[in-house]
Amino acid sequence: MEIELGPIPSHENVRHNAYWSRVGIDTRLKIDDVDINSYKAHLKDCENNPTIGFLAKKEYITGKPMNYPFHARRNMRALERQPEIDTLQKIIKSNINDMYHNTKHIRKYAIDKGRVLLDSVEPIKKYSVLEKILLMAKRFV
C-alpha cells in the first residue's frame, strides 16, 4: 500500500537548504563539514534560481535576528573563507550581472523590503517620489 503525499512545491528544497544553513551558522559551535555542505547546497540553489534563493535567504538566514550574533558572525566569516564557497559566490555574482543587468537593484529592493515572499506577493504599494529617484539612481551607480 502506497501513500501519496501530493505535489511538493518546487521551492521546498530551497527552503530546506536555507534552513539548515541557518542552523549551522547560528550556533555556538564552530562550523564543520556538514555546515559547509549545507551552505554550499544553498548557494547552488541561489546559482540555479537567484530570486528564489535570495528569497529563502531573506526568510531564513538574514530576515530573523540570530540567537548568537557573535558566533554567527564568526561562523559566517569562516564559511566565506572556504575556497569552494568563495568561487560559488563569485559565480552567483556574475550570473546576476548577466541575467538581471537592468533589474537587479529593483529585485534587491523588493526582496529587502518584503514586497515579495516565497509563498506570496504583497499588493503593490505606490512608490513615493523619493523611492523612485533612489531606485533610478541605484541603477546608474
C-alpha atoms as a PDB file:
ATOM      1  CA  MET A   1       0.000   0.000   0.000  1.00  0.00           C
ATOM      2  CA  GLU A   2       1.467   3.335  -1.090  1.00  0.00           C
ATOM      3  CA  ILE A   3       0.645   6.670   0.409  1.00  0.00           C
ATOM      4  CA  GLU A   4       0.701   9.706  -1.838  1.00  0.00           C
ATOM      5  CA  LEU A   5       1.664  12.946  -0.189  1.00  0.00           C
ATOM      6  CA  GLY A   6       0.717  15.167  -3.084  1.00  0.00           C
ATOM      7  CA  PRO A   7       2.854  17.550  -5.027  1.00  0.00           C
ATOM      8  CA  ILE A   8       5.836  19.062  -3.267  1.00  0.00           C
ATOM      9  CA  PRO A   9       6.320  22.756  -4.042  1.00  0.00           C
ATOM     10  CA  SER A  10       9.269  23.380  -6.306  1.00  0.00           C
ATOM     11  CA  HIS A  11      10.966  25.656  -3.808  1.00  0.00           C
ATOM     12  CA  GLU A  12      10.648  23.369  -0.781  1.00  0.00           C
ATOM     13  CA  ASN A  13      14.185  22.026  -1.276  1.00  0.00           C
ATOM     14  CA  VAL A  14      15.473  25.608  -1.408  1.00  0.00           C
ATOM     15  CA  ARG A  15      13.792  26.318   1.943  1.00  0.00           C
ATOM     16  CA  HIS A  16      15.264  23.158   3.407  1.00  0.00           C
ATOM     17  CA  ASN A  17      18.809  24.105   2.392  1.00  0.00           C
ATOM     18  CA  ALA A  18      18.413  27.680   3.671  1.00  0.00           C
ATOM     19  CA  TYR A  19      17.004  26.451   6.992  1.00  0.00           C
ATOM     20  CA  TRP A  20      19.882  24.033   7.603  1.00  0.00           C
ATOM     21  CA  SER A  21      22.368  26.709   6.588  1.00  0.00           C
ATOM     22  CA  ARG A  22      20.975  28.938   9.316  1.00  0.00           C
ATOM     23  CA  VAL A  23      21.162  26.105  11.840  1.00  0.00           C
ATOM     24  CA  GLY A  24      24.854  25.665  11.042  1.00  0.00           C
ATOM     25  CA  ILE A  25      25.581  29.390  11.196  1.00  0.00           C
ATOM     26  CA  ASP A  26      23.577  30.311  14.304  1.00  0.00           C
ATOM     27  CA  THR A  27      25.231  28.073  16.862  1.00  0.00           C
ATOM     28  CA  ARG A  28      27.912  28.398  19.495  1.00  0.00           C
ATOM     29  CA  LEU A  29      29.839  25.566  17.898  1.00  0.00           C
ATOM     30  CA  LYS A  30      32.327  26.121  15.108  1.00  0.00           C
ATOM     31  CA  ILE A  31      31.417  25.066  11.600  1.00  0.00           C
ATOM     32  CA  ASP A  32      32.127  21.584  10.339  1.00  0.00           C
ATOM     33  CA  ASP A  33      31.818  19.733   7.026  1.00  0.00           C
ATOM     34  CA  VAL A  34      28.038  19.319   7.341  1.00  0.00           C
ATOM     35  CA  ASP A  35      27.572  23.075   7.762  1.00  0.00           C
ATOM     36  CA  ILE A  36      29.833  23.775   4.793  1.00  0.00           C
ATOM     37  CA  ASN A  37      27.916  21.296   2.624  1.00  0.00           C
ATOM     38  CA  SER A  38      24.515  22.729   3.597  1.00  0.00           C
ATOM     39  CA  TYR A  39      25.671  26.279   2.831  1.00  0.00           C
ATOM     40  CA  LYS A  40      27.138  25.107  -0.492  1.00  0.00           C
ATOM     41  CA  ALA A  41      23.772  23.495  -1.319  1.00  0.00           C
ATOM     42  CA  HIS A  42      22.038  26.782  -0.523  1.00  0.00           C
ATOM     43  CA  LEU A  43      24.464  28.702  -2.751  1.00  0.00           C
ATOM     44  CA  LYS A  44      23.884  26.199  -5.573  1.00  0.00           C
ATOM     45  CA  ASP A  45      20.156  26.886  -5.223  1.00  0.00           C
ATOM     46  CA  CYS A  46      20.941  30.600  -5.478  1.00  0.00           C
ATOM     47  CA  GLU A  47      23.020  29.879  -8.569  1.00  0.00           C
ATOM     48  CA  ASN A  48      20.234  27.924 -10.288  1.00  0.00           C
ATOM     49  CA  ASN A  49      17.468  30.401  -9.468  1.00  0.00           C
ATOM     50  CA  PRO A  50      18.811  33.552  -7.825  1.00  0.00           C
ATOM     51  CA  THR A  51      15.472  35.157  -6.986  1.00  0.00           C
ATOM     52  CA  ILE A  52      14.062  32.159  -5.121  1.00  0.00           C
ATOM     53  CA  GLY A  53      17.425  31.512  -3.471  1.00  0.00           C
ATOM     54  CA  PHE A  54      17.658  35.071  -2.170  1.00  0.00           C
ATOM     55  CA  LEU A  55      14.027  34.981  -1.007  1.00  0.00           C
ATOM     56  CA  ALA A  56      14.842  31.865   1.021  1.00  0.00           C
ATOM     57  CA  LYS A  57      17.992  33.542   2.354  1.00  0.00           C
ATOM     58  CA  LYS A  58      15.942  36.556   3.433  1.00  0.00           C
ATOM     59  CA  GLU A  59      13.292  34.364   5.068  1.00  0.00           C
ATOM     60  CA  TYR A  60      15.600  32.005   6.948  1.00  0.00           C
ATOM     61  CA  ILE A  61      19.125  33.411   7.245  1.00  0.00           C
ATOM     62  CA  THR A  62      19.139  37.211   7.230  1.00  0.00           C
ATOM     63  CA  GLY A  63      15.487  38.033   7.909  1.00  0.00           C
ATOM     64  CA  LYS A  64      15.412  36.934  11.541  1.00  0.00           C
ATOM     65  CA  PRO A  65      17.693  38.029  14.368  1.00  0.00           C
ATOM     66  CA  MET A  66      20.329  35.477  15.284  1.00  0.00           C
ATOM     67  CA  ASN A  67      20.252  33.776  18.662  1.00  0.00           C
ATOM     68  CA  TYR A  68      24.030  34.021  18.976  1.00  0.00           C
ATOM     69  CA  PRO A  69      25.054  37.051  16.875  1.00  0.00           C
ATOM     70  CA  PHE A  70      28.754  36.997  17.806  1.00  0.00           C
ATOM     71  CA  HIS A  71      29.075  33.301  16.997  1.00  0.00           C
ATOM     72  CA  ALA A  72      27.001  33.697  13.828  1.00  0.00           C
ATOM     73  CA  ARG A  73      29.362  36.399  12.511  1.00  0.00           C
ATOM     74  CA  ARG A  74      32.356  34.201  13.365  1.00  0.00           C
ATOM     75  CA  ASN A  75      30.821  31.191  11.610  1.00  0.00           C
ATOM     76  CA  MET A  76      29.827  33.268   8.575  1.00  0.00           C
ATOM     77  CA  ARG A  77      33.374  34.611   8.212  1.00  0.00           C
ATOM     78  CA  ALA A  78      34.721  31.066   8.495  1.00  0.00           C
ATOM     79  CA  LEU A  79      32.295  29.879   5.819  1.00  0.00           C
ATOM     80  CA  GLU A  80      33.225  32.691   3.457  1.00  0.00           C
ATOM     81  CA  ARG A  81      36.915  31.792   3.795  1.00  0.00           C
ATOM     82  CA  GLN A  82      36.277  28.366   2.288  1.00  0.00           C
ATOM     83  CA  PRO A  83      37.590  28.333  -1.310  1.00  0.00           C
ATOM     84  CA  GLU A  84      34.652  26.463  -2.850  1.00  0.00           C
ATOM     85  CA  ILE A  85      32.150  28.831  -1.212  1.00  0.00           C
ATOM     86  CA  ASP A  86      34.138  31.824  -2.435  1.00  0.00           C
ATOM     87  CA  THR A  87      34.054  30.531  -6.015  1.00  0.00           C
ATOM     88  CA  LEU A  88      30.294  29.843  -5.766  1.00  0.00           C
ATOM     89  CA  GLN A  89      29.687  33.402  -4.581  1.00  0.00           C
ATOM     90  CA  LYS A  90      31.701  34.789  -7.499  1.00  0.00           C
ATOM     91  CA  ILE A  91      29.703  32.639  -9.931  1.00  0.00           C
ATOM     92  CA  ILE A  92      26.419  33.838  -8.404  1.00  0.00           C
ATOM     93  CA  LYS A  93      27.509  37.469  -8.663  1.00  0.00           C
ATOM     94  CA  SER A  94      28.465  37.087 -12.328  1.00  0.00           C
ATOM     95  CA  ASN A  95      25.203  35.232 -13.092  1.00  0.00           C
ATOM     96  CA  ILE A  96      23.162  38.020 -11.523  1.00  0.00           C
ATOM     97  CA  ASN A  97      25.053  40.639 -13.513  1.00  0.00           C
ATOM     98  CA  ASP A  98      24.421  38.667 -16.716  1.00  0.00           C
ATOM     99  CA  MET A  99      20.775  37.727 -16.130  1.00  0.00           C
ATOM    100  CA  TYR A 100      19.436  40.788 -14.335  1.00  0.00           C
ATOM    101  CA  HIS A 101      21.676  43.561 -15.590  1.00  0.00           C
ATOM    102  CA  ASN A 102      18.939  46.206 -15.653  1.00  0.00           C
ATOM    103  CA  THR A 103      16.644  44.988 -12.874  1.00  0.00           C
ATOM    104  CA  LYS A 104      18.993  43.705 -10.167  1.00  0.00           C
ATOM    105  CA  HIS A 105      18.592  46.790  -7.955  1.00  0.00           C
ATOM    106  CA  ILE A 106      14.803  46.677  -8.170  1.00  0.00           C
ATOM    107  CA  ARG A 107      14.788  42.944  -7.358  1.00  0.00           C
ATOM    108  CA  LYS A 108      17.065  43.513  -4.376  1.00  0.00           C
ATOM    109  CA  TYR A 109      14.847  46.362  -3.167  1.00  0.00           C
ATOM    110  CA  ALA A 110      11.688  44.229  -3.475  1.00  0.00           C
ATOM    111  CA  ILE A 111      13.288  41.351  -1.574  1.00  0.00           C
ATOM    112  CA  ASP A 112      14.793  43.553   1.158  1.00  0.00           C
ATOM    113  CA  LYS A 113      11.572  45.487   1.766  1.00  0.00           C
ATOM    114  CA  GLY A 114       9.480  42.295   1.962  1.00  0.00           C
ATOM    115  CA  ARG A 115       7.307  43.074  -1.046  1.00  0.00           C
ATOM    116  CA  VAL A 116       7.919  39.585  -2.457  1.00  0.00           C
ATOM    117  CA  LEU A 117       7.884  36.428  -0.317  1.00  0.00           C
ATOM    118  CA  LEU A 118       8.348  32.780  -1.182  1.00  0.00           C
ATOM    119  CA  ASP A 119       4.654  31.969  -0.835  1.00  0.00           C
ATOM    120  CA  SER A 120       3.003  35.201  -1.841  1.00  0.00           C
ATOM    121  CA  VAL A 121       3.380  38.615  -3.353  1.00  0.00           C
ATOM    122  CA  GLU A 122       2.293  41.641  -1.378  1.00  0.00           C
ATOM    123  CA  PRO A 123      -0.155  44.040  -3.010  1.00  0.00           C
ATOM    124  CA  ILE A 124       1.542  46.791  -4.945  1.00  0.00           C
ATOM    125  CA  LYS A 125       2.131  49.857  -2.863  1.00  0.00           C
ATOM    126  CA  LYS A 126       2.704  53.107  -4.623  1.00  0.00           C
ATOM    127  CA  TYR A 127       6.291  54.202  -4.563  1.00  0.00           C
ATOM    128  CA  SER A 128       6.940  57.660  -3.279  1.00  0.00           C
ATOM    129  CA  VAL A 129       8.829  60.104  -5.465  1.00  0.00           C
ATOM    130  CA  LEU A 130      11.912  59.695  -3.267  1.00  0.00           C
ATOM    131  CA  GLU A 131      11.836  55.887  -3.614  1.00  0.00           C
ATOM    132  CA  LYS A 132      11.563  56.196  -7.410  1.00  0.00           C
ATOM    133  CA  ILE A 133      14.540  58.555  -7.510  1.00  0.00           C
ATOM    134  CA  LEU A 134      16.598  56.229  -5.276  1.00  0.00           C
ATOM    135  CA  LEU A 135      15.806  53.202  -7.453  1.00  0.00           C
ATOM    136  CA  MET A 136      16.768  55.040 -10.619  1.00  0.00           C
ATOM    137  CA  ALA A 137      19.962  56.360  -9.005  1.00  0.00           C
ATOM    138  CA  LYS A 138      20.995  52.840  -7.923  1.00  0.00           C
ATOM    139  CA  ARG A 139      20.705  51.671 -11.499  1.00  0.00           C
ATOM    140  CA  PHE A 140      23.407  54.074 -12.658  1.00  0.00           C
ATOM    141  CA  VAL A 141      25.744  53.607  -9.700  1.00  0.00           C
END
